[in-house]
């Protein structure tokens, strides 16, 4: 408390600031409840007013949820090459269709000789393995059969790199690989079909008239885009060469010790393969080095295009919704002109009136955003049955924040018009 020369107490700066904050809080609270009352009183008008914002927010949340869910799905099921792992193959995966056809036509496949060469020449890696696949086969056990089975030739080291993990039994061993043993490691689809109530270990499964003794069963992986990942028969790569292809096309998986070592190791593999294939310095690679980031970058470019189109649609609906809200607020200013005159005559400042109407507009738009989020969450329930969908918290924040910003922006003109009303003229309004 300060005291003037006349002895009267005057209000200090701290108390004045406290009073201003309290008045601002009261104004905001009143504006909020006035807006909610207006929405409740005129339900149909409120629904039509907020329809554009609701549609925009719902669209944004649904698309963000689907893209987020698919990103997680791709990262877990398709781009999951293993920890700190990249794959050397005939061509680069993330490229255009024409470039793919050109690489498929010109690049030589990766062969067993390349695998042995890298095993001898490459230094500093943690694990290296190779696979070859022969898809679309039919597997048999006694009178039963299962279609579209993949026969995969593997090196024993793939148990440390690939997605497959041992559920029971064992994986392909070094002894199996060295002696080209007719043994197999199978997926759960074959177990469910052939051995629902029987221990499969020791039983013989036939593929393309070749018999393989089951030594182990893999943990269930699930499906990728509706395609089962558990319908496979894994055999030693040397056995694969003996029974199916003498010189199979390989994919070589190379695992680094750490994420920081990935790029140097990729560069070393690239250098060794270019030297081995006599590629000139000004020529492109005649092979492909693929990491998880390669797949994710291709997918993100695709989803980026989808998201850009979505942003355009959302922007149109938000602008339409904002214009409708602005018109409703202009009508509200006209209806409440007499009330504004009374408030001004009782001491309300221009800033108070401006704040009141801007907050009302933001509350209306924010309500539309909340309704849009609730609608998106309801839509997300059936969507999850067809595609992977996961609502990220950021989508909810963006949805509400964007709708409130639209309300603030399109509420400026009506609020400014209300704040500029002459109190005398406003009091004369009926």
Protein backbone atom coordinates (compact mmCIF):
# COMPACT_ATOMS: atom_id res chain seq x y z
CA UNK A 1 0.00 0.00 0.00
CA UNK A 2 1.35 3.35 -1.05
CA UNK A 3 0.43 6.70 0.59
CA UNK A 4 0.12 9.98 -1.33
CA UNK A 5 1.07 13.48 -0.02
CA UNK A 6 -2.54 14.05 0.97
CA UNK A 7 -2.39 10.98 3.22
CA UNK A 8 -4.79 8.88 1.12
CA UNK A 9 -3.89 5.38 0.22
CA UNK A 10 -3.22 4.57 -3.41
CA UNK A 11 -3.21 1.20 -5.12
CA UNK A 12 0.24 -0.25 -5.82
CA UNK A 13 1.36 -1.69 -9.18
CA UNK A 14 1.17 -5.29 -7.92
CA UNK A 15 -2.42 -4.89 -6.79
CA UNK A 16 -3.35 -3.21 -10.08
CA UNK A 17 -1.89 -6.14 -12.03
CA UNK A 18 -3.74 -8.57 -9.81
CA UNK A 19 -6.98 -6.69 -10.46
CA UNK A 20 -6.40 -6.69 -14.20
CA UNK A 21 -5.75 -10.44 -14.22
CA UNK A 22 -8.87 -11.06 -12.18
CA UNK A 23 -10.97 -8.93 -14.54
CA UNK A 24 -9.52 -10.79 -17.53
CA UNK A 25 -10.38 -14.13 -15.89
CA UNK A 26 -13.94 -12.99 -15.17
CA UNK A 27 -14.35 -11.77 -18.77
CA UNK A 28 -13.01 -15.04 -20.18
CA UNK A 29 -15.22 -17.13 -17.90
CA UNK A 30 -18.34 -15.14 -18.79
CA UNK A 31 -17.52 -15.33 -22.50
CA UNK A 32 -17.09 -19.10 -22.24
CA UNK A 33 -20.44 -19.67 -20.57
CA UNK A 34 -22.21 -17.23 -22.91
CA UNK A 35 -20.82 -19.19 -25.87
CA UNK A 36 -21.87 -22.53 -24.36
CA UNK A 37 -25.35 -21.17 -23.62
CA UNK A 38 -25.69 -19.93 -27.20
CA UNK A 39 -24.66 -23.35 -28.53
CA UNK A 40 -27.15 -25.09 -26.23
CA UNK A 41 -30.02 -22.71 -26.99
CA UNK A 42 -29.78 -22.94 -30.78
CA UNK A 43 -28.79 -26.58 -31.29
CA UNK A 44 -29.58 -26.86 -35.01
CA UNK A 45 -27.90 -23.55 -35.80
CA UNK A 46 -24.91 -24.60 -33.72
CA UNK A 47 -24.68 -27.93 -35.58
CA UNK A 48 -24.75 -26.24 -38.97
CA UNK A 49 -22.32 -23.57 -37.77
CA UNK A 50 -19.74 -26.08 -36.59
CA UNK A 51 -20.24 -28.66 -39.37
CA UNK A 52 -17.26 -27.46 -41.41
CA UNK A 53 -14.91 -27.50 -38.41
CA UNK A 54 -16.21 -30.93 -37.32
CA UNK A 55 -15.65 -32.45 -40.78
CA UNK A 56 -12.19 -30.89 -41.08
CA UNK A 57 -11.09 -32.08 -37.63
CA UNK A 58 -12.53 -35.58 -38.15
CA UNK A 59 -10.79 -35.93 -41.51
CA UNK A 60 -7.48 -34.73 -40.09
CA UNK A 61 -7.61 -37.08 -37.07
CA UNK A 62 -8.66 -40.14 -39.11
CA UNK A 63 -5.94 -39.64 -41.74
CA UNK A 64 -3.26 -38.95 -39.12
CA UNK A 65 -4.37 -42.05 -37.21
CA UNK A 66 -4.23 -44.31 -40.28
CA UNK A 67 -0.83 -42.93 -41.36
CA UNK A 68 0.56 -43.25 -37.83
CA UNK A 69 -0.75 -46.81 -37.53
CA UNK A 70 0.65 -47.77 -40.92
CA UNK A 71 4.02 -46.21 -40.04
CA UNK A 72 4.19 -48.39 -36.95
CA UNK A 73 3.06 -51.41 -38.97
CA UNK A 74 5.63 -50.86 -41.73
CA UNK A 75 8.41 -50.30 -39.20
CA UNK A 76 7.52 -53.45 -37.26
CA UNK A 77 6.60 -55.91 -40.02
CA UNK A 78 8.23 -54.79 -43.28
CA UNK A 79 11.13 -52.46 -42.51
CA UNK A 80 12.27 -54.60 -39.59
CA UNK A 81 15.45 -56.01 -41.09
CA UNK A 82 17.03 -56.54 -37.68
CA UNK A 83 18.93 -54.36 -35.23
CA UNK A 84 21.67 -52.34 -36.99
CA UNK A 85 21.27 -54.51 -40.09
CA UNK A 86 21.35 -53.80 -43.82
CA UNK A 87 20.88 -56.13 -46.78
CA UNK A 88 22.96 -56.50 -49.93
CA UNK A 89 20.75 -57.56 -52.84
CA UNK A 90 20.54 -57.37 -56.61
CA UNK A 91 18.92 -53.91 -56.65
CA UNK A 92 17.93 -51.04 -54.41
CA UNK A 93 14.39 -51.38 -53.08
CA UNK A 94 13.32 -47.76 -52.64
CA UNK A 95 13.38 -46.51 -56.23
CA UNK A 96 11.01 -45.78 -59.07
CA UNK A 97 9.45 -48.53 -61.16
CA UNK A 98 11.53 -47.77 -64.27
CA UNK A 99 14.75 -47.72 -62.23
CA UNK A 100 13.72 -51.02 -60.66
CA UNK A 101 13.15 -52.65 -64.08
CA UNK A 102 16.48 -51.33 -65.31
CA UNK A 103 18.32 -52.66 -62.24
CA UNK A 104 16.51 -55.98 -62.47
CA UNK A 105 17.62 -56.29 -66.10
CA UNK A 106 21.22 -55.06 -65.84
CA UNK A 107 22.40 -55.93 -62.31
CA UNK A 108 23.81 -59.39 -61.74
CA UNK A 109 22.22 -61.34 -58.87
CA UNK A 110 24.11 -61.79 -55.61
CA UNK A 111 25.56 -65.30 -55.57
CA UNK A 112 27.18 -67.65 -53.06
CA UNK A 113 30.60 -66.54 -54.31
CA UNK A 114 29.78 -62.95 -53.28
CA UNK A 115 28.79 -64.15 -49.82
CA UNK A 116 32.06 -66.07 -49.39
CA UNK A 117 34.02 -63.09 -50.73
CA UNK A 118 32.50 -60.70 -48.20
CA UNK A 119 32.97 -63.21 -45.37
CA UNK A 120 36.69 -63.26 -46.20
CA UNK A 121 37.29 -59.59 -47.03
CA UNK A 122 34.90 -57.56 -44.85
CA UNK A 123 36.15 -56.69 -41.38
CA UNK A 124 34.48 -55.22 -38.32
CA UNK A 125 30.97 -56.60 -38.75
CA UNK A 126 29.06 -58.38 -35.98
CA UNK A 127 27.13 -61.04 -37.94
CA UNK A 128 26.63 -61.93 -41.59
CA UNK A 129 24.03 -64.28 -43.05
CA UNK A 130 22.46 -65.15 -46.39
CA UNK A 131 19.03 -66.28 -47.57
CA UNK A 132 17.50 -67.57 -50.79
CA UNK A 133 13.78 -68.04 -51.32
CA UNK A 134 11.64 -70.28 -53.52
CA UNK A 135 8.03 -69.22 -53.10
CA UNK A 136 4.67 -70.62 -54.11
CA UNK A 137 5.44 -74.24 -53.20
CA UNK A 138 3.02 -76.87 -51.83
CA UNK A 139 4.02 -78.65 -48.61
CA UNK A 140 2.72 -82.14 -47.81
CA UNK A 141 2.41 -84.30 -44.72
CA UNK A 142 0.72 -87.67 -45.17
CA UNK A 143 -2.62 -86.89 -46.95
CA UNK A 144 -2.63 -83.17 -46.09
CA UNK A 145 -1.17 -80.26 -47.97
CA UNK A 146 -0.76 -76.50 -47.57
CA UNK A 147 -0.34 -74.13 -50.50
CA UNK A 148 1.79 -71.06 -51.17
CA UNK A 149 4.56 -72.18 -48.85
CA UNK A 150 7.94 -70.46 -49.09
CA UNK A 151 11.04 -72.62 -49.06
CA UNK A 152 13.87 -70.50 -47.63
CA UNK A 153 17.51 -71.49 -47.67
CA UNK A 154 19.40 -69.90 -44.77
CA UNK A 155 22.79 -69.83 -43.14
CA UNK A 156 22.84 -70.67 -39.40
CA UNK A 157 23.75 -67.07 -38.50
CA UNK A 158 20.33 -65.80 -39.66
CA UNK A 159 18.87 -66.76 -36.27
CA UNK A 160 20.75 -63.73 -34.86
CA UNK A 161 19.58 -61.36 -37.61
CA UNK A 162 16.18 -62.33 -39.03
CA UNK A 163 12.67 -62.00 -37.62
CA UNK A 164 12.31 -65.72 -36.91
CA UNK A 165 12.84 -66.85 -33.34
CA UNK A 166 12.76 -70.40 -31.97
CA UNK A 167 9.53 -71.35 -30.19
CA UNK A 168 10.65 -74.93 -29.49
CA UNK A 169 13.13 -77.35 -30.97
CA UNK A 170 16.18 -75.72 -32.57
CA UNK A 171 17.32 -73.67 -35.56
CA UNK A 172 19.57 -74.71 -38.45
CA UNK A 173 23.02 -75.55 -37.05
CA UNK A 174 26.53 -75.26 -38.50
CA UNK A 175 26.60 -79.06 -38.79
CA UNK A 176 23.34 -79.02 -40.81
CA UNK A 177 24.84 -76.34 -43.07
CA UNK A 178 28.16 -78.12 -43.55
CA UNK A 179 26.63 -81.52 -44.34
CA UNK A 180 23.65 -80.24 -46.39
CA UNK A 181 21.32 -82.02 -43.97
CA UNK A 182 17.68 -82.60 -45.10
CA UNK A 183 16.25 -80.85 -42.03
CA UNK A 184 13.80 -77.98 -41.72
CA UNK A 185 12.67 -75.25 -39.36
CA UNK A 186 8.95 -74.52 -39.96
CA UNK A 187 6.40 -71.77 -39.31
CA UNK A 188 3.25 -72.06 -37.22
CA UNK A 189 0.95 -72.31 -40.30
CA UNK A 190 2.39 -75.74 -41.05
CA UNK A 191 2.15 -76.77 -37.40
CA UNK A 192 -1.53 -75.76 -37.21
CA UNK A 193 -2.30 -77.57 -40.48
CA UNK A 194 -0.24 -80.75 -40.13
CA UNK A 195 0.35 -81.20 -36.40
CA UNK A 196 -2.53 -79.63 -34.44
CA UNK A 197 -2.35 -82.27 -31.67
CA UNK A 198 1.02 -83.90 -32.36
CA UNK A 199 4.60 -82.92 -31.59
CA UNK A 200 6.05 -82.00 -35.01
CA UNK A 201 9.70 -82.55 -34.03
CA UNK A 202 11.14 -85.53 -35.88
CA UNK A 203 8.29 -85.70 -38.40
CA UNK A 204 8.99 -85.41 -42.12
CA UNK A 205 7.48 -82.72 -44.35
CA UNK A 206 7.64 -83.00 -48.15
CA UNK A 207 8.14 -80.07 -50.50
CA UNK A 208 8.57 -80.60 -54.26
CA UNK A 209 9.04 -84.35 -53.69
CA UNK A 210 11.86 -83.73 -51.20
CA UNK A 211 11.49 -84.79 -47.57
CA UNK A 212 12.79 -82.73 -44.67
CA UNK A 213 12.86 -83.70 -41.01
CA UNK A 214 11.40 -81.07 -38.67
CA UNK A 215 13.96 -79.92 -36.08
CA UNK A 216 12.30 -76.76 -34.80
CA UNK A 217 9.25 -74.48 -34.86
CA UNK A 218 9.36 -70.68 -35.14
CA UNK A 219 7.47 -68.21 -32.98
CA UNK A 220 4.35 -66.82 -34.64
CA UNK A 221 4.96 -63.61 -36.62
CA UNK A 222 1.48 -62.87 -38.00
CA UNK A 223 0.39 -61.30 -41.27
CA UNK A 224 1.62 -58.42 -43.41
CA UNK A 225 -1.12 -56.79 -45.48
CA UNK A 226 -3.16 -59.97 -45.10
CA UNK A 227 -0.29 -62.23 -46.22
CA UNK A 228 0.79 -64.79 -43.62
CA UNK A 229 4.45 -64.65 -42.60
CA UNK A 230 4.30 -68.07 -40.90
CA UNK A 231 3.86 -70.30 -43.97
CA UNK A 232 7.49 -71.27 -44.56
CA UNK A 233 9.95 -74.14 -44.50
CA UNK A 234 13.53 -73.10 -43.71
CA UNK A 235 16.36 -75.41 -44.70
CA UNK A 236 20.17 -75.05 -44.76
CA UNK A 237 21.30 -72.93 -47.70
CA UNK A 238 23.59 -75.74 -48.87
CA UNK A 239 20.60 -78.11 -48.88
CA UNK A 240 18.66 -75.51 -50.87
CA UNK A 241 21.48 -75.51 -53.44
CA UNK A 242 21.48 -79.30 -53.63
CA UNK A 243 17.71 -79.80 -54.05
CA UNK A 244 16.41 -76.63 -55.72
CA UNK A 245 18.92 -74.16 -57.24
CA UNK A 246 22.62 -74.80 -57.58
CA UNK A 247 23.34 -71.03 -57.90
CA UNK A 248 20.49 -69.28 -56.07
CA UNK A 249 19.94 -65.52 -55.94
CA UNK A 250 20.87 -64.38 -52.44
CA UNK A 251 20.12 -61.57 -50.07
CA UNK A 252 23.06 -61.02 -47.73
CA UNK A 253 22.25 -59.57 -44.29
CA UNK A 254 25.08 -57.77 -42.52
CA UNK A 255 24.76 -56.65 -38.91
CA UNK A 256 26.90 -53.87 -37.43
CA UNK A 257 27.94 -53.61 -33.80
CA UNK A 258 26.18 -50.26 -33.36
CA UNK A 259 24.07 -47.72 -35.23
CA UNK A 260 27.12 -45.46 -35.56
CA UNK A 261 28.98 -48.21 -37.44
CA UNK A 262 26.20 -48.74 -40.00
CA UNK A 263 27.23 -46.08 -42.53
CA UNK A 264 30.99 -46.92 -42.50
CA UNK A 265 30.17 -50.61 -42.86
CA UNK A 266 27.79 -49.92 -45.76
CA UNK A 267 30.52 -47.86 -47.45
CA UNK A 268 33.03 -50.68 -47.01
CA UNK A 269 30.64 -53.24 -48.50
CA UNK A 270 29.95 -50.88 -51.41
CA UNK A 271 33.66 -50.43 -52.07
CA UNK A 272 34.38 -54.18 -51.96
CA UNK A 273 31.50 -55.02 -54.29
CA UNK A 274 32.43 -52.28 -56.78
CA UNK A 275 36.01 -53.56 -56.87
CA UNK A 276 34.82 -57.16 -57.22
CA UNK A 277 32.53 -56.25 -60.12
CA UNK A 278 35.00 -53.82 -61.74
CA UNK A 279 32.58 -50.88 -61.58
CA UNK A 280 34.15 -47.64 -62.85
CA UNK A 281 34.18 -44.57 -60.57
CA UNK A 282 31.67 -42.75 -62.78
CA UNK A 283 29.24 -45.68 -63.00
CA UNK A 284 26.31 -46.49 -60.71
CA UNK A 285 26.36 -49.46 -58.35
CA UNK A 286 25.37 -52.76 -59.94
CA UNK A 287 23.82 -53.97 -56.68
CA UNK A 288 21.64 -52.56 -53.92
CA UNK A 289 22.37 -51.81 -50.28
CA UNK A 290 19.13 -51.61 -48.33
CA UNK A 291 18.50 -50.61 -44.72
CA UNK A 292 15.30 -50.10 -42.74
CA UNK A 293 15.59 -46.36 -43.44
CA UNK A 294 15.43 -47.14 -47.18
CA UNK A 295 11.98 -48.69 -46.85
CA UNK A 296 10.74 -46.09 -44.38
CA UNK A 297 11.89 -43.20 -46.60
CA UNK A 298 9.95 -44.63 -49.56
CA UNK A 299 6.86 -45.13 -47.41
CA UNK A 300 7.11 -41.65 -45.90
CA UNK A 301 7.33 -40.08 -49.36
CA UNK A 302 4.11 -41.88 -50.26
CA UNK A 303 2.30 -40.92 -47.05
CA UNK A 304 3.64 -37.37 -47.39
CA UNK A 305 1.74 -37.01 -50.65
CA UNK A 306 -1.43 -38.41 -49.05
CA UNK A 307 -1.06 -36.07 -46.08
CA UNK A 308 -0.52 -33.05 -48.36
CA UNK A 309 -3.83 -33.78 -50.13
CA UNK A 310 -5.50 -34.20 -46.73
CA UNK A 311 -4.18 -30.83 -45.56
CA UNK A 312 -5.72 -29.22 -48.64
CA UNK A 313 -9.12 -30.79 -47.90
CA UNK A 314 -8.90 -29.84 -44.22
CA UNK A 315 -7.94 -26.27 -45.11
CA UNK A 316 -11.00 -25.89 -47.35
CA UNK A 317 -13.37 -27.18 -44.66
CA UNK A 318 -11.70 -25.06 -41.99
CA UNK A 319 -12.05 -21.90 -44.08
CA UNK A 320 -15.69 -22.68 -44.81
CA UNK A 321 -16.31 -23.39 -41.13
CA UNK A 322 -14.50 -20.21 -40.12
CA UNK A 323 -16.57 -18.08 -42.50
CA UNK A 324 -19.79 -19.58 -41.12
CA UNK A 325 -18.64 -18.88 -37.56
CA UNK A 326 -17.77 -15.30 -38.52
CA UNK A 327 -21.25 -14.77 -40.00
CA UNK A 328 -22.90 -16.20 -36.88
CA UNK A 329 -20.78 -13.94 -34.68
CA UNK A 330 -21.73 -10.91 -36.81
CA UNK A 331 -25.38 -11.84 -36.33
CA UNK A 332 -24.73 -12.20 -32.61
CA UNK A 333 -23.19 -8.71 -32.47
CA UNK A 334 -26.29 -7.29 -34.17
CA UNK A 335 -28.62 -9.14 -31.78
CA UNK A 336 -26.68 -8.00 -28.72
CA UNK A 337 -26.02 -4.40 -29.70
CA UNK A 338 -28.17 -3.09 -26.82
CA UNK A 339 -26.35 -5.37 -24.37
CA UNK A 340 -23.00 -4.05 -25.63
CA UNK A 341 -24.22 -0.48 -25.09
CA UNK A 342 -25.20 -1.29 -21.48
CA UNK A 343 -21.83 -2.92 -20.78
CA UNK A 344 -19.96 0.06 -22.19
CA UNK A 345 -22.07 2.55 -20.24
CA UNK A 346 -21.23 0.62 -17.04
CA UNK A 347 -17.50 0.95 -17.71
CA UNK A 348 -16.59 -1.94 -19.99
CA UNK A 349 -13.59 -1.02 -22.11
CA UNK A 350 -13.17 -1.70 -25.80
CA UNK A 351 -10.61 -4.38 -24.92
CA UNK A 352 -13.16 -6.17 -22.69
CA UNK A 353 -15.75 -6.33 -25.50
CA UNK A 354 -13.11 -7.44 -28.01
CA UNK A 355 -11.87 -10.18 -25.69
CA UNK A 356 -15.40 -11.40 -24.96
CA UNK A 357 -16.38 -11.92 -28.59
CA UNK A 358 -13.04 -13.43 -29.64
CA UNK A 359 -13.28 -15.95 -26.79
CA UNK A 360 -16.85 -16.79 -27.78
CA UNK A 361 -15.73 -17.44 -31.35
CA UNK A 362 -12.78 -19.58 -30.19
CA UNK A 363 -15.03 -21.59 -27.84
CA UNK A 364 -17.49 -22.27 -30.65
CA UNK A 365 -14.76 -23.46 -33.01
CA UNK A 366 -13.02 -25.41 -30.22
CA UNK A 367 -16.30 -27.19 -29.46
CA UNK A 368 -16.46 -28.20 -33.11
CA UNK A 369 -12.90 -29.52 -32.82
CA UNK A 370 -13.76 -31.61 -29.75
CA UNK A 371 -16.85 -33.03 -31.49
CA UNK A 372 -14.68 -33.83 -34.52
CA UNK A 373 -12.17 -35.69 -32.32
CA UNK A 374 -14.92 -37.74 -30.66
CA UNK A 375 -16.36 -38.58 -34.08
CA UNK A 376 -12.89 -39.56 -35.34
CA UNK A 377 -12.39 -41.88 -32.36
CA UNK A 378 -15.70 -43.57 -33.14
CA UNK A 379 -14.78 -43.95 -36.82
CA UNK A 380 -11.40 -45.36 -35.82
CA UNK A 381 -13.04 -48.39 -34.17
CA UNK A 382 -14.38 -50.02 -37.39
CA UNK A 383 -11.39 -48.73 -39.40
CA UNK A 384 -9.03 -50.81 -37.24
CA UNK A 385 -10.70 -53.99 -38.51
CA UNK A 386 -9.46 -53.28 -42.06
CA UNK A 387 -6.21 -51.31 -41.66
CA UNK A 388 -3.81 -50.59 -38.85
CA UNK A 389 -4.85 -47.34 -37.19
CA UNK A 390 -3.50 -45.67 -34.06
CA UNK A 391 -4.58 -42.22 -32.85
CA UNK A 392 -1.44 -40.29 -31.85
CA UNK A 393 -1.81 -37.76 -28.98
CA UNK A 394 -0.33 -35.11 -31.27
CA UNK A 395 -3.33 -35.52 -33.62
CA UNK A 396 -5.74 -34.62 -30.81
CA UNK A 397 -3.65 -31.58 -29.84
CA UNK A 398 -3.42 -30.45 -33.47
CA UNK A 399 -7.16 -30.97 -34.02
CA UNK A 400 -8.24 -28.89 -31.02
CA UNK A 401 -5.50 -26.29 -31.49
CA UNK A 402 -6.27 -25.78 -35.19
CA UNK A 403 -10.01 -25.38 -34.60
CA UNK A 404 -9.41 -22.85 -31.80
CA UNK A 405 -7.02 -20.90 -34.03
CA UNK A 406 -9.68 -20.81 -36.76
CA UNK A 407 -12.16 -19.44 -34.22
CA UNK A 408 -9.70 -16.81 -33.05
CA UNK A 409 -8.84 -15.70 -36.58
CA UNK A 410 -12.38 -15.52 -37.92
CA UNK A 411 -13.65 -13.99 -34.69
CA UNK A 412 -11.42 -10.92 -34.94
CA UNK A 413 -13.65 -8.98 -37.37
CA UNK A 414 -16.96 -9.47 -35.48
CA UNK A 415 -15.22 -8.78 -32.16
CA UNK A 416 -13.63 -5.61 -33.52
CA UNK A 417 -16.98 -4.47 -34.88
CA UNK A 418 -18.59 -5.01 -31.45
CA UNK A 419 -15.75 -3.20 -29.66
CA UNK A 420 -16.07 -0.15 -31.93
CA UNK A 421 -19.79 0.37 -31.32
CA UNK A 422 -20.67 3.79 -29.94
CA UNK A 423 -22.33 3.24 -26.51
CA UNK A 424 -24.98 5.90 -27.11
CA UNK A 425 -25.96 4.49 -30.49
CA UNK A 426 -25.84 0.95 -29.10
CA UNK A 427 -28.22 1.85 -26.24
CA UNK A 428 -30.75 3.14 -28.77
CA UNK A 429 -30.83 -0.23 -30.53
CA UNK A 430 -33.82 -2.45 -29.87
